[in-house]
Amino acid sequence: MASTRSPRVVVYHAAGCHLCERALAQVRAFREELDFELGEVPIDGDPELEARYRELLPVVEIEGERVFTYYVHEAAFRRRLEAAQTRLQEPPL
C-alpha cells in the first residue's frame, strides 16, 4: 500500500540572517500551494547545529536530504519536492 504522508521540508535558520528570512518566506509561500510538512529549526544556541550549519545558512532539506544552501531556487524546489512525493508514494520492496 502506498504512503500518503507528505514530504517533510526543514529549514535551518538563525536570528539576524537575512538570507534565512528570505528562504523562510519563500518556503512558506510554496507551502500555500504545494503539499509538504514544514519544520523550521533555529540553530541559535545549539552547539551541534551551529557547527553543522552556521557557515551554510540557510539550509533547506527535503526528506532529510540537503537540497539548498544560501538560496532557494523555485524551479529546483518544485522538482525536488515532486521527486520526494513520488518516492513516498512508491510501494515498499
PDB file of N, CA and C in Angstrom:
ATOM      1  N   MET A   1       0.841  -1.186   0.000  1.00  0.00           N
ATOM      2  CA  MET A   1       0.000   0.000   0.000  1.00  0.00           C
ATOM      3  C   MET A   1       0.887   1.251   0.000  1.00  0.00           C
ATOM      4  N   ALA A   2       0.551   2.220  -0.804  1.00  0.00           N
ATOM      5  CA  ALA A   2       1.351   3.428  -0.927  1.00  0.00           C
ATOM      6  C   ALA A   2       1.166   4.333   0.284  1.00  0.00           C
ATOM      7  N   SER A   3       2.206   5.067   0.587  1.00  0.00           N
ATOM      8  CA  SER A   3       2.171   6.017   1.698  1.00  0.00           C
ATOM      9  C   SER A   3       1.396   7.263   1.266  1.00  0.00           C
ATOM     10  N   THR A   4       0.705   7.859   2.221  1.00  0.00           N
ATOM     11  CA  THR A   4       0.003   9.102   1.936  1.00  0.00           C
ATOM     12  C   THR A   4       0.644  10.263   2.678  1.00  0.00           C
ATOM     13  N   ARG A   5       1.799  10.030   3.279  1.00  0.00           N
ATOM     14  CA  ARG A   5       2.498  11.068   4.019  1.00  0.00           C
ATOM     15  C   ARG A   5       3.050  12.113   3.060  1.00  0.00           C
ATOM     16  N   SER A   6       2.982  13.356   3.478  1.00  0.00           N
ATOM     17  CA  SER A   6       3.566  14.446   2.687  1.00  0.00           C
ATOM     18  C   SER A   6       5.055  14.523   2.956  1.00  0.00           C
ATOM     19  N   PRO A   7       5.830  14.982   1.971  1.00  0.00           N
ATOM     20  CA  PRO A   7       7.264  15.157   2.206  1.00  0.00           C
ATOM     21  C   PRO A   7       7.507  16.168   3.322  1.00  0.00           C
ATOM     22  N   ARG A   8       8.608  15.988   4.035  1.00  0.00           N
ATOM     23  CA  ARG A   8       8.975  16.913   5.103  1.00  0.00           C
ATOM     24  C   ARG A   8      10.108  17.808   4.616  1.00  0.00           C
ATOM     25  N   VAL A   9       9.877  19.106   4.720  1.00  0.00           N
ATOM     26  CA  VAL A   9      10.872  20.114   4.370  1.00  0.00           C
ATOM     27  C   VAL A   9      11.308  20.779   5.673  1.00  0.00           C
ATOM     28  N   VAL A  10      12.610  20.878   5.881  1.00  0.00           N
ATOM     29  CA  VAL A  10      13.141  21.522   7.081  1.00  0.00           C
ATOM     30  C   VAL A  10      14.053  22.664   6.654  1.00  0.00           C
ATOM     31  N   VAL A  11      13.843  23.826   7.277  1.00  0.00           N
ATOM     32  CA  VAL A  11      14.685  24.991   7.025  1.00  0.00           C
ATOM     33  C   VAL A  11      15.448  25.295   8.313  1.00  0.00           C
ATOM     34  N   TYR A  12      16.769  25.208   8.240  1.00  0.00           N
ATOM     35  CA  TYR A  12      17.631  25.582   9.361  1.00  0.00           C
ATOM     36  C   TYR A  12      17.976  27.053   9.184  1.00  0.00           C
ATOM     37  N   HIS A  13      17.808  27.834  10.248  1.00  0.00           N
ATOM     38  CA  HIS A  13      17.990  29.279  10.138  1.00  0.00           C
ATOM     39  C   HIS A  13      18.541  29.840  11.445  1.00  0.00           C
ATOM     40  N   ALA A  14      18.883  31.125  11.427  1.00  0.00           N
ATOM     41  CA  ALA A  14      19.399  31.806  12.610  1.00  0.00           C
ATOM     42  C   ALA A  14      18.849  33.225  12.655  1.00  0.00           C
ATOM     43  N   ALA A  15      18.791  33.759  13.852  1.00  0.00           N
ATOM     44  CA  ALA A  15      18.340  35.135  14.049  1.00  0.00           C
ATOM     45  C   ALA A  15      19.298  36.093  13.358  1.00  0.00           C
ATOM     46  N   GLY A  16      18.746  37.135  12.748  1.00  0.00           N
ATOM     47  CA  GLY A  16      19.569  38.146  12.105  1.00  0.00           C
ATOM     48  C   GLY A  16      20.146  37.748  10.763  1.00  0.00           C
ATOM     49  N   CYS A  17      19.757  36.611  10.243  1.00  0.00           N
ATOM     50  CA  CYS A  17      20.260  36.121   8.956  1.00  0.00           C
ATOM     51  C   CYS A  17      19.257  36.515   7.867  1.00  0.00           C
ATOM     52  N   HIS A  18      19.642  37.487   7.056  1.00  0.00           N
ATOM     53  CA  HIS A  18      18.714  37.982   6.028  1.00  0.00           C
ATOM     54  C   HIS A  18      18.433  36.944   4.954  1.00  0.00           C
ATOM     55  N   LEU A  19      19.432  36.155   4.599  1.00  0.00           N
ATOM     56  CA  LEU A  19      19.185  35.084   3.632  1.00  0.00           C
ATOM     57  C   LEU A  19      18.205  34.068   4.212  1.00  0.00           C
ATOM     58  N   CYS A  20      18.308  33.833   5.518  1.00  0.00           N
ATOM     59  CA  CYS A  20      17.381  32.903   6.179  1.00  0.00           C
ATOM     60  C   CYS A  20      15.953  33.430   6.117  1.00  0.00           C
ATOM     61  N   GLU A  21      15.787  34.709   6.374  1.00  0.00           N
ATOM     62  CA  GLU A  21      14.455  35.314   6.326  1.00  0.00           C
ATOM     63  C   GLU A  21      13.855  35.166   4.930  1.00  0.00           C
ATOM     64  N   ARG A  22      14.675  35.390   3.917  1.00  0.00           N
ATOM     65  CA  ARG A  22      14.209  35.264   2.530  1.00  0.00           C
ATOM     66  C   ARG A  22      13.819  33.815   2.218  1.00  0.00           C
ATOM     67  N   ALA A  23      14.674  32.871   2.618  1.00  0.00           N
ATOM     68  CA  ALA A  23      14.393  31.460   2.345  1.00  0.00           C
ATOM     69  C   ALA A  23      13.123  31.010   3.067  1.00  0.00           C
ATOM     70  N   LEU A  24      12.972  31.412   4.328  1.00  0.00           N
ATOM     71  CA  LEU A  24      11.759  31.038   5.077  1.00  0.00           C
ATOM     72  C   LEU A  24      10.515  31.600   4.405  1.00  0.00           C
ATOM     73  N   ALA A  25      10.579  32.852   3.965  1.00  0.00           N
ATOM     74  CA  ALA A  25       9.425  33.458   3.288  1.00  0.00           C
ATOM     75  C   ALA A  25       9.091  32.695   2.013  1.00  0.00           C
ATOM     76  N   GLN A  26      10.105  32.321   1.245  1.00  0.00           N
ATOM     77  CA  GLN A  26       9.867  31.571   0.005  1.00  0.00           C
ATOM     78  C   GLN A  26       9.221  30.220   0.291  1.00  0.00           C
ATOM     79  N   VAL A  27       9.790  29.483   1.230  1.00  0.00           N
ATOM     80  CA  VAL A  27       9.290  28.137   1.509  1.00  0.00           C
ATOM     81  C   VAL A  27       7.881  28.210   2.093  1.00  0.00           C
ATOM     82  N   ARG A  28       7.627  29.185   2.952  1.00  0.00           N
ATOM     83  CA  ARG A  28       6.264  29.362   3.486  1.00  0.00           C
ATOM     84  C   ARG A  28       5.283  29.658   2.358  1.00  0.00           C
ATOM     85  N   ALA A  29       5.699  30.460   1.391  1.00  0.00           N
ATOM     86  CA  ALA A  29       4.830  30.782   0.253  1.00  0.00           C
ATOM     87  C   ALA A  29       4.574  29.541  -0.599  1.00  0.00           C
ATOM     88  N   PHE A  30       5.607  28.726  -0.821  1.00  0.00           N
ATOM     89  CA  PHE A  30       5.421  27.484  -1.581  1.00  0.00           C
ATOM     90  C   PHE A  30       4.405  26.592  -0.889  1.00  0.00           C
ATOM     91  N   ARG A  31       4.428  26.606   0.439  1.00  0.00           N
ATOM     92  CA  ARG A  31       3.542  25.724   1.209  1.00  0.00           C
ATOM     93  C   ARG A  31       2.060  26.073   0.994  1.00  0.00           C
ATOM     94  N   GLU A  32       1.791  27.299   0.617  1.00  0.00           N
ATOM     95  CA  GLU A  32       0.407  27.704   0.365  1.00  0.00           C
ATOM     96  C   GLU A  32      -0.185  26.963  -0.829  1.00  0.00           C
ATOM     97  N   GLU A  33       0.667  26.508  -1.754  1.00  0.00           N
ATOM     98  CA  GLU A  33       0.155  25.819  -2.934  1.00  0.00           C
ATOM     99  C   GLU A  33       0.646  24.384  -3.090  1.00  0.00           C
ATOM    100  N   LEU A  34       1.726  24.026  -2.404  1.00  0.00           N
ATOM    101  CA  LEU A  34       2.296  22.687  -2.533  1.00  0.00           C
ATOM    102  C   LEU A  34       2.086  21.904  -1.238  1.00  0.00           C
ATOM    103  N   ASP A  35       2.007  20.585  -1.374  1.00  0.00           N
ATOM    104  CA  ASP A  35       1.731  19.723  -0.226  1.00  0.00           C
ATOM    105  C   ASP A  35       3.021  19.227   0.410  1.00  0.00           C
ATOM    106  N   PHE A  36       3.394  19.810   1.559  1.00  0.00           N
ATOM    107  CA  PHE A  36       4.531  19.318   2.327  1.00  0.00           C
ATOM    108  C   PHE A  36       4.428  19.795   3.763  1.00  0.00           C
ATOM    109  N   GLU A  37       5.087  19.042   4.647  1.00  0.00           N
ATOM    110  CA  GLU A  37       5.183  19.431   6.049  1.00  0.00           C
ATOM    111  C   GLU A  37       6.397  20.331   6.180  1.00  0.00           C
ATOM    112  N   LEU A  38       6.289  21.375   6.990  1.00  0.00           N
ATOM    113  CA  LEU A  38       7.390  22.322   7.139  1.00  0.00           C
ATOM    114  C   LEU A  38       7.885  22.345   8.570  1.00  0.00           C
ATOM    115  N   GLY A  39       9.184  22.150   8.725  1.00  0.00           N
ATOM    116  CA  GLY A  39       9.835  22.311  10.012  1.00  0.00           C
ATOM    117  C   GLY A  39      10.805  23.472   9.930  1.00  0.00           C
ATOM    118  N   GLU A  40      10.762  24.346  10.917  1.00  0.00           N
ATOM    119  CA  GLU A  40      11.675  25.490  10.972  1.00  0.00           C
ATOM    120  C   GLU A  40      12.548  25.311  12.201  1.00  0.00           C
ATOM    121  N   VAL A  41      13.856  25.175  12.003  1.00  0.00           N
ATOM    122  CA  VAL A  41      14.761  24.867  13.099  1.00  0.00           C
ATOM    123  C   VAL A  41      15.767  26.004  13.296  1.00  0.00           C
ATOM    124  N   PRO A  42      15.606  26.766  14.380  1.00  0.00           N
ATOM    125  CA  PRO A  42      16.613  27.787  14.678  1.00  0.00           C
ATOM    126  C   PRO A  42      17.859  27.116  15.258  1.00  0.00           C
ATOM    127  N   ILE A  43      19.024  27.482  14.747  1.00  0.00           N
ATOM    128  CA  ILE A  43      20.252  26.838  15.228  1.00  0.00           C
ATOM    129  C   ILE A  43      20.882  27.609  16.384  1.00  0.00           C
ATOM    130  N   ASP A  44      20.392  28.805  16.649  1.00  0.00           N
ATOM    131  CA  ASP A  44      20.981  29.676  17.661  1.00  0.00           C
ATOM    132  C   ASP A  44      21.086  28.969  19.013  1.00  0.00           C
ATOM    133  N   GLY A  45      22.293  28.991  19.580  1.00  0.00           N
ATOM    134  CA  GLY A  45      22.492  28.456  20.921  1.00  0.00           C
ATOM    135  C   GLY A  45      22.664  26.952  20.998  1.00  0.00           C
ATOM    136  N   ASP A  46      22.564  26.245  19.885  1.00  0.00           N
ATOM    137  CA  ASP A  46      22.753  24.794  19.885  1.00  0.00           C
ATOM    138  C   ASP A  46      24.120  24.512  19.261  1.00  0.00           C
ATOM    139  N   PRO A  47      25.120  24.155  20.084  1.00  0.00           N
ATOM    140  CA  PRO A  47      26.481  23.995  19.563  1.00  0.00           C
ATOM    141  C   PRO A  47      26.585  22.997  18.404  1.00  0.00           C
ATOM    142  N   GLU A  48      25.853  21.902  18.467  1.00  0.00           N
ATOM    143  CA  GLU A  48      25.918  20.907  17.396  1.00  0.00           C
ATOM    144  C   GLU A  48      25.362  21.472  16.088  1.00  0.00           C
ATOM    145  N   LEU A  49      24.191  22.117  16.167  1.00  0.00           N
ATOM    146  CA  LEU A  49      23.606  22.702  14.962  1.00  0.00           C
ATOM    147  C   LEU A  49      24.445  23.867  14.441  1.00  0.00           C
ATOM    148  N   GLU A  50      24.978  24.668  15.357  1.00  0.00           N
ATOM    149  CA  GLU A  50      25.856  25.780  14.958  1.00  0.00           C
ATOM    150  C   GLU A  50      27.054  25.248  14.161  1.00  0.00           C
ATOM    151  N   ALA A  51      27.682  24.193  14.663  1.00  0.00           N
ATOM    152  CA  ALA A  51      28.851  23.629  13.993  1.00  0.00           C
ATOM    153  C   ALA A  51      28.492  23.051  12.632  1.00  0.00           C
ATOM    154  N   ARG A  52      27.336  22.442  12.543  1.00  0.00           N
ATOM    155  CA  ARG A  52      26.932  21.772  11.307  1.00  0.00           C
ATOM    156  C   ARG A  52      26.442  22.747  10.235  1.00  0.00           C
ATOM    157  N   TYR A  53      25.727  23.810  10.642  1.00  0.00           N
ATOM    158  CA  TYR A  53      25.018  24.623   9.652  1.00  0.00           C
ATOM    159  C   TYR A  53      25.428  26.090   9.553  1.00  0.00           C
ATOM    160  N   ARG A  54      26.102  26.662  10.531  1.00  0.00           N
ATOM    161  CA  ARG A  54      26.312  28.118  10.588  1.00  0.00           C
ATOM    162  C   ARG A  54      26.883  28.695   9.289  1.00  0.00           C
ATOM    163  N   GLU A  55      27.881  28.078   8.718  1.00  0.00           N
ATOM    164  CA  GLU A  55      28.538  28.631   7.519  1.00  0.00           C
ATOM    165  C   GLU A  55      27.730  28.421   6.237  1.00  0.00           C
ATOM    166  N   LEU A  56      26.631  27.680   6.330  1.00  0.00           N
ATOM    167  CA  LEU A  56      25.851  27.342   5.136  1.00  0.00           C
ATOM    168  C   LEU A  56      24.469  27.976   5.113  1.00  0.00           C
ATOM    169  N   LEU A  57      24.094  28.684   6.153  1.00  0.00           N
ATOM    170  CA  LEU A  57      22.722  29.156   6.308  1.00  0.00           C
ATOM    171  C   LEU A  57      22.256  30.059   5.180  1.00  0.00           C
ATOM    172  N   PRO A  58      20.974  29.937   4.873  1.00  0.00           N
ATOM    173  CA  PRO A  58      20.033  28.931   5.369  1.00  0.00           C
ATOM    174  C   PRO A  58      20.271  27.587   4.686  1.00  0.00           C
ATOM    175  N   VAL A  59      19.859  26.539   5.359  1.00  0.00           N
ATOM    176  CA  VAL A  59      19.949  25.196   4.802  1.00  0.00           C
ATOM    177  C   VAL A  59      18.530  24.649   4.688  1.00  0.00           C
ATOM    178  N   VAL A  60      18.191  24.124   3.513  1.00  0.00           N
ATOM    179  CA  VAL A  60      16.879  23.527   3.288  1.00  0.00           C
ATOM    180  C   VAL A  60      17.081  22.059   2.961  1.00  0.00           C
ATOM    181  N   GLU A  61      16.363  21.214   3.695  1.00  0.00           N
ATOM    182  CA  GLU A  61      16.391  19.780   3.451  1.00  0.00           C
ATOM    183  C   GLU A  61      14.995  19.311   3.069  1.00  0.00           C
ATOM    184  N   ILE A  62      14.945  18.354   2.159  1.00  0.00           N
ATOM    185  CA  ILE A  62      13.685  17.699   1.803  1.00  0.00           C
ATOM    186  C   ILE A  62      13.876  16.217   2.085  1.00  0.00           C
ATOM    187  N   GLU A  63      13.055  15.696   2.968  1.00  0.00           N
ATOM    188  CA  GLU A  63      13.149  14.293   3.381  1.00  0.00           C
ATOM    189  C   GLU A  63      14.568  13.935   3.823  1.00  0.00           C
ATOM    190  N   GLY A  64      15.186  14.837   4.585  1.00  0.00           N
ATOM    191  CA  GLY A  64      16.495  14.571   5.156  1.00  0.00           C
ATOM    192  C   GLY A  64      17.674  14.796   4.230  1.00  0.00           C
ATOM    193  N   GLU A  65      17.416  15.165   2.995  1.00  0.00           N
ATOM    194  CA  GLU A  65      18.493  15.423   2.031  1.00  0.00           C
ATOM    195  C   GLU A  65      18.695  16.923   1.885  1.00  0.00           C
ATOM    196  N   ARG A  66      19.922  17.381   2.069  1.00  0.00           N
ATOM    197  CA  ARG A  66      20.223  18.804   1.901  1.00  0.00           C
ATOM    198  C   ARG A  66      20.090  19.141   0.430  1.00  0.00           C
ATOM    199  N   VAL A  67      19.195  20.076   0.122  1.00  0.00           N
ATOM    200  CA  VAL A  67      18.944  20.428  -1.273  1.00  0.00           C
ATOM    201  C   VAL A  67      19.315  21.874  -1.605  1.00  0.00           C
ATOM    202  N   PHE A  68      19.358  22.751  -0.590  1.00  0.00           N
ATOM    203  CA  PHE A  68      19.729  24.142  -0.836  1.00  0.00           C
ATOM    204  C   PHE A  68      20.519  24.702   0.331  1.00  0.00           C
ATOM    205  N   THR A  69      21.501  25.520  -0.006  1.00  0.00           N
ATOM    206  CA  THR A  69      22.189  26.358   0.969  1.00  0.00           C
ATOM    207  C   THR A  69      22.226  27.758   0.384  1.00  0.00           C
ATOM    208  N   TYR A  70      22.168  28.735   1.243  1.00  0.00           N
ATOM    209  CA  TYR A  70      22.211  30.151   0.879  1.00  0.00           C
ATOM    210  C   TYR A  70      20.948  30.657   0.179  1.00  0.00           C
ATOM    211  N   TYR A  71      20.538  30.013  -0.892  1.00  0.00           N
ATOM    212  CA  TYR A  71      19.381  30.467  -1.663  1.00  0.00           C
ATOM    213  C   TYR A  71      18.482  29.286  -2.011  1.00  0.00           C
ATOM    214  N   VAL A  72      17.182  29.574  -2.143  1.00  0.00           N
ATOM    215  CA  VAL A  72      16.216  28.564  -2.579  1.00  0.00           C
ATOM    216  C   VAL A  72      15.802  28.926  -4.000  1.00  0.00           C
ATOM    217  N   HIS A  73      15.975  27.999  -4.908  1.00  0.00           N
ATOM    218  CA  HIS A  73      15.614  28.213  -6.308  1.00  0.00           C
ATOM    219  C   HIS A  73      14.256  27.570  -6.552  1.00  0.00           C
ATOM    220  N   GLU A  74      13.286  28.376  -6.937  1.00  0.00           N
ATOM    221  CA  GLU A  74      11.905  27.913  -7.031  1.00  0.00           C
ATOM    222  C   GLU A  74      11.720  26.692  -7.922  1.00  0.00           C
ATOM    223  N   ALA A  75      12.211  26.731  -9.145  1.00  0.00           N
ATOM    224  CA  ALA A  75      12.003  25.604 -10.061  1.00  0.00           C
ATOM    225  C   ALA A  75      12.654  24.337  -9.518  1.00  0.00           C
ATOM    226  N   ALA A  76      13.853  24.466  -8.975  1.00  0.00           N
ATOM    227  CA  ALA A  76      14.544  23.303  -8.411  1.00  0.00           C
ATOM    228  C   ALA A  76      13.814  22.793  -7.174  1.00  0.00           C
ATOM    229  N   PHE A  77      13.266  23.692  -6.362  1.00  0.00           N
ATOM    230  CA  PHE A  77      12.497  23.272  -5.187  1.00  0.00           C
ATOM    231  C   PHE A  77      11.301  22.436  -5.623  1.00  0.00           C
ATOM    232  N   ARG A  78      10.601  22.908  -6.623  1.00  0.00           N
ATOM    233  CA  ARG A  78       9.427  22.178  -7.114  1.00  0.00           C
ATOM    234  C   ARG A  78       9.812  20.788  -7.640  1.00  0.00           C
ATOM    235  N   ARG A  79      10.908  20.716  -8.394  1.00  0.00           N
ATOM    236  CA  ARG A  79      11.368  19.414  -8.902  1.00  0.00           C
ATOM    237  C   ARG A  79      11.750  18.470  -7.766  1.00  0.00           C
ATOM    238  N   ARG A  80      12.511  18.976  -6.809  1.00  0.00           N
ATOM    239  CA  ARG A  80      12.952  18.142  -5.689  1.00  0.00           C
ATOM    240  C   ARG A  80      11.765  17.674  -4.844  1.00  0.00           C
ATOM    241  N   LEU A  81      10.808  18.553  -4.635  1.00  0.00           N
ATOM    242  CA  LEU A  81       9.629  18.190  -3.853  1.00  0.00           C
ATOM    243  C   LEU A  81       8.809  17.136  -4.598  1.00  0.00           C
ATOM    244  N   GLU A  82       8.640  17.305  -5.890  1.00  0.00           N
ATOM    245  CA  GLU A  82       7.894  16.326  -6.684  1.00  0.00           C
ATOM    246  C   GLU A  82       8.584  14.960  -6.643  1.00  0.00           C
ATOM    247  N   ALA A  83       9.905  14.947  -6.736  1.00  0.00           N
ATOM    248  CA  ALA A  83      10.647  13.693  -6.660  1.00  0.00           C
ATOM    249  C   ALA A  83      10.451  13.023  -5.301  1.00  0.00           C
ATOM    250  N   ALA A  84      10.452  13.819  -4.234  1.00  0.00           N
ATOM    251  CA  ALA A  84      10.242  13.269  -2.892  1.00  0.00           C
ATOM    252  C   ALA A  84       8.829  12.716  -2.764  1.00  0.00           C
ATOM    253  N   GLN A  85       7.847  13.408  -3.323  1.00  0.00           N
ATOM    254  CA  GLN A  85       6.467  12.920  -3.280  1.00  0.00           C
ATOM    255  C   GLN A  85       6.352  11.593  -4.011  1.00  0.00           C
ATOM    256  N   THR A  86       7.018  11.481  -5.150  1.00  0.00           N
ATOM    257  CA  THR A  86       6.995  10.234  -5.925  1.00  0.00           C
ATOM    258  C   THR A  86       7.606   9.095  -5.123  1.00  0.00           C
ATOM    259  N   ARG A  87       8.760   9.355  -4.487  1.00  0.00           N
ATOM    260  CA  ARG A  87       9.410   8.307  -3.678  1.00  0.00           C
ATOM    261  C   ARG A  87       8.515   7.858  -2.524  1.00  0.00           C
ATOM    262  N   LEU A  88       7.808   8.786  -1.909  1.00  0.00           N
ATOM    263  CA  LEU A  88       6.937   8.439  -0.779  1.00  0.00           C
ATOM    264  C   LEU A  88       5.730   7.624  -1.224  1.00  0.00           C
ATOM    265  N   GLN A  89       5.332   7.748  -2.480  1.00  0.00           N
ATOM    266  CA  GLN A  89       4.164   7.023  -2.981  1.00  0.00           C
ATOM    267  C   GLN A  89       4.511   5.639  -3.506  1.00  0.00           C
ATOM    268  N   GLU A  90       5.797   5.374  -3.702  1.00  0.00           N
ATOM    269  CA  GLU A  90       6.210   4.074  -4.209  1.00  0.00           C
ATOM    270  C   GLU A  90       5.993   3.012  -3.147  1.00  0.00           C
ATOM    271  N   PRO A  91       5.480   1.867  -3.544  1.00  0.00           N
ATOM    272  CA  PRO A  91       5.284   0.792  -2.569  1.00  0.00           C
ATOM    273  C   PRO A  91       6.627   0.273  -2.060  1.00  0.00           C
ATOM    274  N   PRO A  92       6.694  -0.117  -0.793  1.00  0.00           N
ATOM    275  CA  PRO A  92       7.953  -0.667  -0.263  1.00  0.00           C
ATOM    276  C   PRO A  92       8.290  -1.987  -0.936  1.00  0.00           C
ATOM    277  N   LEU A  93       9.577  -2.285  -0.998  1.00  0.00           N
ATOM    278  CA  LEU A  93      10.031  -3.536  -1.619  1.00  0.00           C
ATOM    279  C   LEU A  93       9.821  -4.712  -0.704  1.00  0.00           C
TER     280      LEU A  93
END
